[in-house]
Amino acid sequence: MRTAITSSGRIFFVEVEGEPATVRDYMVAAQVYLSLLEEQFDNALDLISSFRAGQAEAAQVPALLNDEEAESATRWHYAHEHADRVARPLLSNPRAQRFVFRLGARESVSAAE
């Protein structure tokens, strides 16, 4: 999925929030986080739909989710927690930084913690 690119750029990417990030935070830790997320989904569409379902659930509208969306949200949370658990120790300041999964250049939402 690392080639999930459109004419306007990558479909999704990861930022590091909190304490100022180093080059290593982006070149190593963020890439490990993103790679681990990608490995847990069959394709970019599955990853994005799970992310959006997770955001809907986090926005306190889980009652509006159907069973498939609720399962997709659970899948996102599991994928995020796994990727975060493995990649966070690679950050320069793991206690003061976090990964933020973003969609495209205009649409962005923080990853659930």
N, C-alpha and C. Protein backbone atom coordinates (compact mmCIF):
# COMPACT_ATOMS: atom_id res chain seq x y z
N MET A 1 0.81 -1.20 0.00
CA MET A 1 0.00 0.00 0.00
C MET A 1 0.85 1.26 0.00
N ARG A 2 2.11 1.15 0.11
CA ARG A 2 2.95 2.34 0.16
C ARG A 2 2.84 3.17 -1.11
N THR A 3 2.23 2.62 -2.12
CA THR A 3 2.06 3.36 -3.36
C THR A 3 0.66 3.94 -3.47
N ALA A 4 -0.02 4.11 -2.36
CA ALA A 4 -1.37 4.67 -2.35
C ALA A 4 -1.28 6.18 -2.56
N ILE A 5 -1.08 6.55 -3.81
CA ILE A 5 -0.86 7.95 -4.17
C ILE A 5 -1.83 8.35 -5.27
N THR A 6 -2.34 9.58 -5.18
CA THR A 6 -3.17 10.13 -6.24
C THR A 6 -2.40 11.25 -6.91
N SER A 7 -2.98 11.88 -7.90
CA SER A 7 -2.30 12.99 -8.57
C SER A 7 -2.07 14.17 -7.63
N SER A 8 -2.82 14.23 -6.53
CA SER A 8 -2.64 15.32 -5.57
C SER A 8 -1.79 14.91 -4.37
N GLY A 9 -1.21 13.74 -4.40
CA GLY A 9 -0.32 13.31 -3.31
C GLY A 9 -0.79 12.03 -2.66
N ARG A 10 -0.17 11.72 -1.52
CA ARG A 10 -0.54 10.50 -0.80
C ARG A 10 -1.96 10.56 -0.29
N ILE A 11 -2.59 9.42 -0.26
CA ILE A 11 -3.96 9.33 0.23
C ILE A 11 -3.98 9.52 1.75
N PHE A 12 -2.96 8.99 2.42
CA PHE A 12 -2.87 9.15 3.87
C PHE A 12 -1.41 9.20 4.27
N PHE A 13 -1.17 9.74 5.46
CA PHE A 13 0.19 9.86 5.99
C PHE A 13 0.12 9.98 7.51
N VAL A 14 1.27 10.02 8.15
CA VAL A 14 1.34 10.10 9.61
C VAL A 14 2.17 11.30 10.00
N GLU A 15 1.70 12.02 11.00
CA GLU A 15 2.46 13.12 11.58
C GLU A 15 2.76 12.75 13.03
N VAL A 16 3.74 13.42 13.60
CA VAL A 16 4.09 13.25 15.00
C VAL A 16 3.74 14.55 15.71
N GLU A 17 2.84 14.47 16.69
CA GLU A 17 2.42 15.64 17.45
C GLU A 17 3.02 15.60 18.84
N GLY A 18 3.06 16.78 19.47
CA GLY A 18 3.58 16.88 20.82
C GLY A 18 4.91 17.61 20.78
N GLU A 19 5.87 17.10 21.53
CA GLU A 19 7.21 17.68 21.52
C GLU A 19 7.72 17.74 20.08
N PRO A 20 8.56 18.71 19.78
CA PRO A 20 9.09 18.81 18.41
C PRO A 20 9.71 17.48 17.95
N ALA A 21 9.32 17.07 16.76
CA ALA A 21 9.79 15.80 16.21
C ALA A 21 11.14 15.95 15.53
N THR A 22 11.91 14.89 15.59
CA THR A 22 13.20 14.86 14.91
C THR A 22 13.03 14.21 13.54
N VAL A 23 14.07 14.29 12.75
CA VAL A 23 14.06 13.62 11.45
C VAL A 23 13.87 12.12 11.67
N ARG A 24 14.52 11.57 12.67
CA ARG A 24 14.39 10.14 12.97
C ARG A 24 12.95 9.77 13.35
N ASP A 25 12.26 10.67 14.07
CA ASP A 25 10.86 10.41 14.42
C ASP A 25 10.02 10.18 13.16
N TYR A 26 10.28 10.99 12.13
CA TYR A 26 9.52 10.84 10.89
C TYR A 26 10.05 9.73 9.99
N MET A 27 11.35 9.63 9.89
CA MET A 27 11.94 8.67 8.96
C MET A 27 11.89 7.24 9.47
N VAL A 28 11.86 7.07 10.78
CA VAL A 28 11.84 5.72 11.34
C VAL A 28 10.51 5.44 12.05
N ALA A 29 10.26 6.11 13.14
CA ALA A 29 9.09 5.79 13.97
C ALA A 29 7.77 5.94 13.21
N ALA A 30 7.56 7.06 12.54
CA ALA A 30 6.30 7.27 11.82
C ALA A 30 6.14 6.26 10.68
N GLN A 31 7.23 5.91 10.03
CA GLN A 31 7.15 4.94 8.94
C GLN A 31 6.86 3.54 9.46
N VAL A 32 7.42 3.20 10.61
CA VAL A 32 7.11 1.90 11.23
C VAL A 32 5.64 1.86 11.59
N TYR A 33 5.14 2.94 12.21
CA TYR A 33 3.72 3.02 12.58
C TYR A 33 2.84 2.83 11.34
N LEU A 34 3.13 3.58 10.28
CA LEU A 34 2.31 3.50 9.07
C LEU A 34 2.40 2.13 8.42
N SER A 35 3.59 1.56 8.36
CA SER A 35 3.75 0.22 7.77
C SER A 35 2.96 -0.82 8.54
N LEU A 36 2.99 -0.75 9.86
CA LEU A 36 2.24 -1.70 10.67
C LEU A 36 0.73 -1.53 10.47
N LEU A 37 0.28 -0.30 10.33
CA LEU A 37 -1.14 -0.08 10.03
C LEU A 37 -1.49 -0.71 8.69
N GLU A 38 -0.70 -0.42 7.68
CA GLU A 38 -0.97 -0.91 6.34
C GLU A 38 -1.00 -2.44 6.29
N GLU A 39 -0.13 -3.08 7.04
CA GLU A 39 -0.06 -4.55 7.04
C GLU A 39 -1.34 -5.20 7.56
N GLN A 40 -2.10 -4.46 8.35
CA GLN A 40 -3.28 -5.03 8.99
C GLN A 40 -4.56 -4.90 8.16
N PHE A 41 -4.43 -4.32 6.97
CA PHE A 41 -5.59 -4.14 6.10
C PHE A 41 -5.24 -4.66 4.71
N ASP A 42 -6.27 -5.13 4.00
CA ASP A 42 -6.06 -5.69 2.67
C ASP A 42 -5.71 -4.62 1.64
N ASN A 43 -6.27 -3.43 1.80
CA ASN A 43 -6.02 -2.36 0.84
C ASN A 43 -6.29 -1.01 1.49
N ALA A 44 -5.99 0.06 0.77
CA ALA A 44 -6.13 1.41 1.30
C ALA A 44 -7.58 1.74 1.64
N LEU A 45 -8.52 1.28 0.83
CA LEU A 45 -9.93 1.55 1.10
C LEU A 45 -10.37 0.95 2.42
N ASP A 46 -9.94 -0.27 2.73
CA ASP A 46 -10.27 -0.89 4.02
C ASP A 46 -9.69 -0.09 5.18
N LEU A 47 -8.46 0.34 5.04
CA LEU A 47 -7.82 1.12 6.10
C LEU A 47 -8.59 2.42 6.32
N ILE A 48 -8.88 3.13 5.26
CA ILE A 48 -9.57 4.41 5.37
C ILE A 48 -10.98 4.24 5.93
N SER A 49 -11.72 3.25 5.47
CA SER A 49 -13.09 3.06 5.99
C SER A 49 -13.06 2.67 7.47
N SER A 50 -12.08 1.88 7.87
CA SER A 50 -11.95 1.53 9.29
C SER A 50 -11.59 2.75 10.11
N PHE A 51 -10.68 3.57 9.60
CA PHE A 51 -10.30 4.81 10.28
C PHE A 51 -11.52 5.71 10.48
N ARG A 52 -12.30 5.89 9.42
CA ARG A 52 -13.48 6.74 9.50
C ARG A 52 -14.52 6.17 10.48
N ALA A 53 -14.69 4.87 10.48
CA ALA A 53 -15.61 4.24 11.43
C ALA A 53 -15.11 4.47 12.86
N GLY A 54 -13.80 4.35 13.06
CA GLY A 54 -13.23 4.61 14.38
C GLY A 54 -13.45 6.05 14.82
N GLN A 55 -13.35 6.99 13.88
CA GLN A 55 -13.59 8.39 14.20
C GLN A 55 -15.06 8.63 14.52
N ALA A 56 -15.96 8.00 13.79
CA ALA A 56 -17.40 8.14 14.06
C ALA A 56 -17.72 7.61 15.46
N GLU A 57 -17.12 6.49 15.79
CA GLU A 57 -17.34 5.91 17.12
C GLU A 57 -16.79 6.84 18.20
N ALA A 58 -15.62 7.40 17.97
CA ALA A 58 -15.00 8.29 18.94
C ALA A 58 -15.79 9.59 19.10
N ALA A 59 -16.52 9.97 18.07
CA ALA A 59 -17.32 11.20 18.11
C ALA A 59 -18.66 10.99 18.81
N GLN A 60 -18.78 9.89 19.52
CA GLN A 60 -19.97 9.59 20.32
C GLN A 60 -21.21 9.33 19.47
N VAL A 61 -21.02 8.75 18.30
CA VAL A 61 -22.19 8.35 17.50
C VAL A 61 -22.15 6.85 17.21
N PRO A 62 -21.68 6.03 18.17
CA PRO A 62 -21.63 4.60 17.90
C PRO A 62 -23.01 3.99 17.67
N ALA A 63 -24.05 4.61 18.21
CA ALA A 63 -25.39 4.08 18.00
C ALA A 63 -25.81 4.19 16.54
N LEU A 64 -25.18 5.10 15.81
CA LEU A 64 -25.50 5.28 14.40
C LEU A 64 -24.74 4.31 13.50
N LEU A 65 -23.79 3.58 14.09
CA LEU A 65 -23.01 2.63 13.31
C LEU A 65 -23.75 1.31 13.18
N ASN A 66 -23.76 0.75 11.98
CA ASN A 66 -24.33 -0.58 11.82
C ASN A 66 -23.29 -1.60 12.28
N ASP A 67 -23.64 -2.86 12.29
CA ASP A 67 -22.73 -3.90 12.79
C ASP A 67 -21.41 -3.92 12.03
N GLU A 68 -21.48 -3.77 10.72
CA GLU A 68 -20.25 -3.80 9.91
C GLU A 68 -19.34 -2.62 10.23
N GLU A 69 -19.94 -1.44 10.42
CA GLU A 69 -19.15 -0.25 10.76
C GLU A 69 -18.55 -0.37 12.16
N ALA A 70 -19.31 -0.93 13.09
CA ALA A 70 -18.81 -1.12 14.46
C ALA A 70 -17.63 -2.08 14.45
N GLU A 71 -17.75 -3.14 13.66
CA GLU A 71 -16.64 -4.09 13.54
C GLU A 71 -15.42 -3.42 12.90
N SER A 72 -15.67 -2.58 11.92
CA SER A 72 -14.60 -1.85 11.25
C SER A 72 -13.91 -0.89 12.22
N ALA A 73 -14.69 -0.23 13.08
CA ALA A 73 -14.13 0.68 14.08
C ALA A 73 -13.25 -0.09 15.06
N THR A 74 -13.72 -1.25 15.47
CA THR A 74 -12.93 -2.09 16.38
C THR A 74 -11.62 -2.50 15.71
N ARG A 75 -11.70 -2.82 14.44
CA ARG A 75 -10.50 -3.20 13.69
C ARG A 75 -9.51 -2.04 13.64
N TRP A 76 -10.01 -0.81 13.43
CA TRP A 76 -9.13 0.36 13.42
C TRP A 76 -8.44 0.52 14.77
N HIS A 77 -9.22 0.45 15.85
CA HIS A 77 -8.65 0.65 17.18
C HIS A 77 -7.57 -0.40 17.47
N TYR A 78 -7.82 -1.62 17.12
CA TYR A 78 -6.83 -2.68 17.31
C TYR A 78 -5.58 -2.38 16.49
N ALA A 79 -5.75 -2.04 15.23
CA ALA A 79 -4.61 -1.76 14.34
C ALA A 79 -3.79 -0.59 14.86
N HIS A 80 -4.47 0.48 15.26
CA HIS A 80 -3.78 1.66 15.79
C HIS A 80 -3.01 1.31 17.07
N GLU A 81 -3.66 0.62 17.98
CA GLU A 81 -3.01 0.28 19.25
C GLU A 81 -1.79 -0.60 19.02
N HIS A 82 -1.90 -1.55 18.11
CA HIS A 82 -0.76 -2.43 17.81
C HIS A 82 0.39 -1.62 17.19
N ALA A 83 0.08 -0.82 16.19
CA ALA A 83 1.12 -0.03 15.53
C ALA A 83 1.75 0.96 16.51
N ASP A 84 0.94 1.58 17.34
CA ASP A 84 1.44 2.54 18.31
C ASP A 84 2.35 1.86 19.35
N ARG A 85 1.92 0.70 19.83
CA ARG A 85 2.70 -0.02 20.85
C ARG A 85 4.09 -0.38 20.33
N VAL A 86 4.17 -0.77 19.06
CA VAL A 86 5.47 -1.16 18.49
C VAL A 86 6.31 0.06 18.13
N ALA A 87 5.70 1.09 17.55
CA ALA A 87 6.46 2.23 17.03
C ALA A 87 6.75 3.32 18.06
N ARG A 88 5.92 3.46 19.06
CA ARG A 88 6.11 4.54 20.04
C ARG A 88 7.50 4.53 20.69
N PRO A 89 8.05 3.39 21.09
CA PRO A 89 9.39 3.41 21.70
C PRO A 89 10.48 3.95 20.77
N LEU A 90 10.20 4.03 19.48
CA LEU A 90 11.18 4.55 18.53
C LEU A 90 11.18 6.07 18.47
N LEU A 91 10.17 6.72 19.07
CA LEU A 91 10.10 8.17 19.09
C LEU A 91 11.18 8.75 20.00
N SER A 92 11.59 9.98 19.72
CA SER A 92 12.62 10.61 20.54
C SER A 92 12.11 10.93 21.94
N ASN A 93 10.82 11.16 22.09
CA ASN A 93 10.22 11.42 23.40
C ASN A 93 8.85 10.73 23.46
N PRO A 94 8.84 9.42 23.66
CA PRO A 94 7.60 8.64 23.57
C PRO A 94 6.48 9.10 24.50
N ARG A 95 6.82 9.68 25.63
CA ARG A 95 5.77 10.11 26.57
C ARG A 95 5.15 11.45 26.19
N ALA A 96 5.83 12.20 25.34
CA ALA A 96 5.34 13.53 25.00
C ALA A 96 4.99 13.67 23.52
N GLN A 97 4.97 12.56 22.81
CA GLN A 97 4.65 12.59 21.39
C GLN A 97 3.61 11.53 21.07
N ARG A 98 2.90 11.73 19.97
CA ARG A 98 1.95 10.73 19.53
C ARG A 98 1.84 10.76 18.01
N PHE A 99 1.37 9.65 17.46
CA PHE A 99 1.18 9.54 16.02
C PHE A 99 -0.22 10.02 15.66
N VAL A 100 -0.30 10.74 14.57
CA VAL A 100 -1.58 11.24 14.07
C VAL A 100 -1.71 10.77 12.62
N PHE A 101 -2.70 9.93 12.38
CA PHE A 101 -3.00 9.44 11.04
C PHE A 101 -3.84 10.49 10.34
N ARG A 102 -3.43 10.86 9.15
CA ARG A 102 -4.14 11.91 8.41
C ARG A 102 -4.53 11.41 7.02
N LEU A 103 -5.68 11.87 6.58
CA LEU A 103 -6.15 11.55 5.24
C LEU A 103 -5.88 12.74 4.32
N GLY A 104 -5.17 12.51 3.25
CA GLY A 104 -4.91 13.53 2.25
C GLY A 104 -4.40 14.83 2.82
N ALA A 105 -4.33 15.83 1.99
CA ALA A 105 -3.80 17.12 2.41
C ALA A 105 -4.86 17.99 3.08
N ARG A 106 -6.11 17.82 2.71
CA ARG A 106 -7.17 18.69 3.23
C ARG A 106 -7.97 18.06 4.36
N GLU A 107 -8.16 16.76 4.31
CA GLU A 107 -8.96 16.08 5.32
C GLU A 107 -8.02 15.44 6.32
N SER A 108 -8.10 15.83 7.59
CA SER A 108 -7.22 15.24 8.58
C SER A 108 -7.94 15.11 9.92
N VAL A 109 -7.66 14.02 10.58
CA VAL A 109 -8.27 13.73 11.88
C VAL A 109 -7.23 12.97 12.69
N SER A 110 -7.12 13.26 13.98
CA SER A 110 -6.17 12.57 14.82
C SER A 110 -6.56 11.12 15.01
N ALA A 111 -5.58 10.27 15.10
CA ALA A 111 -5.83 8.86 15.37
C ALA A 111 -6.31 8.72 16.80
N ALA A 112 -7.24 7.81 17.02
CA ALA A 112 -7.75 7.56 18.37
C ALA A 112 -6.63 7.03 19.25
N GLU A 113 -6.67 7.44 20.50
CA GLU A 113 -5.64 6.93 21.43
C GLU A 113 -6.19 5.81 22.24
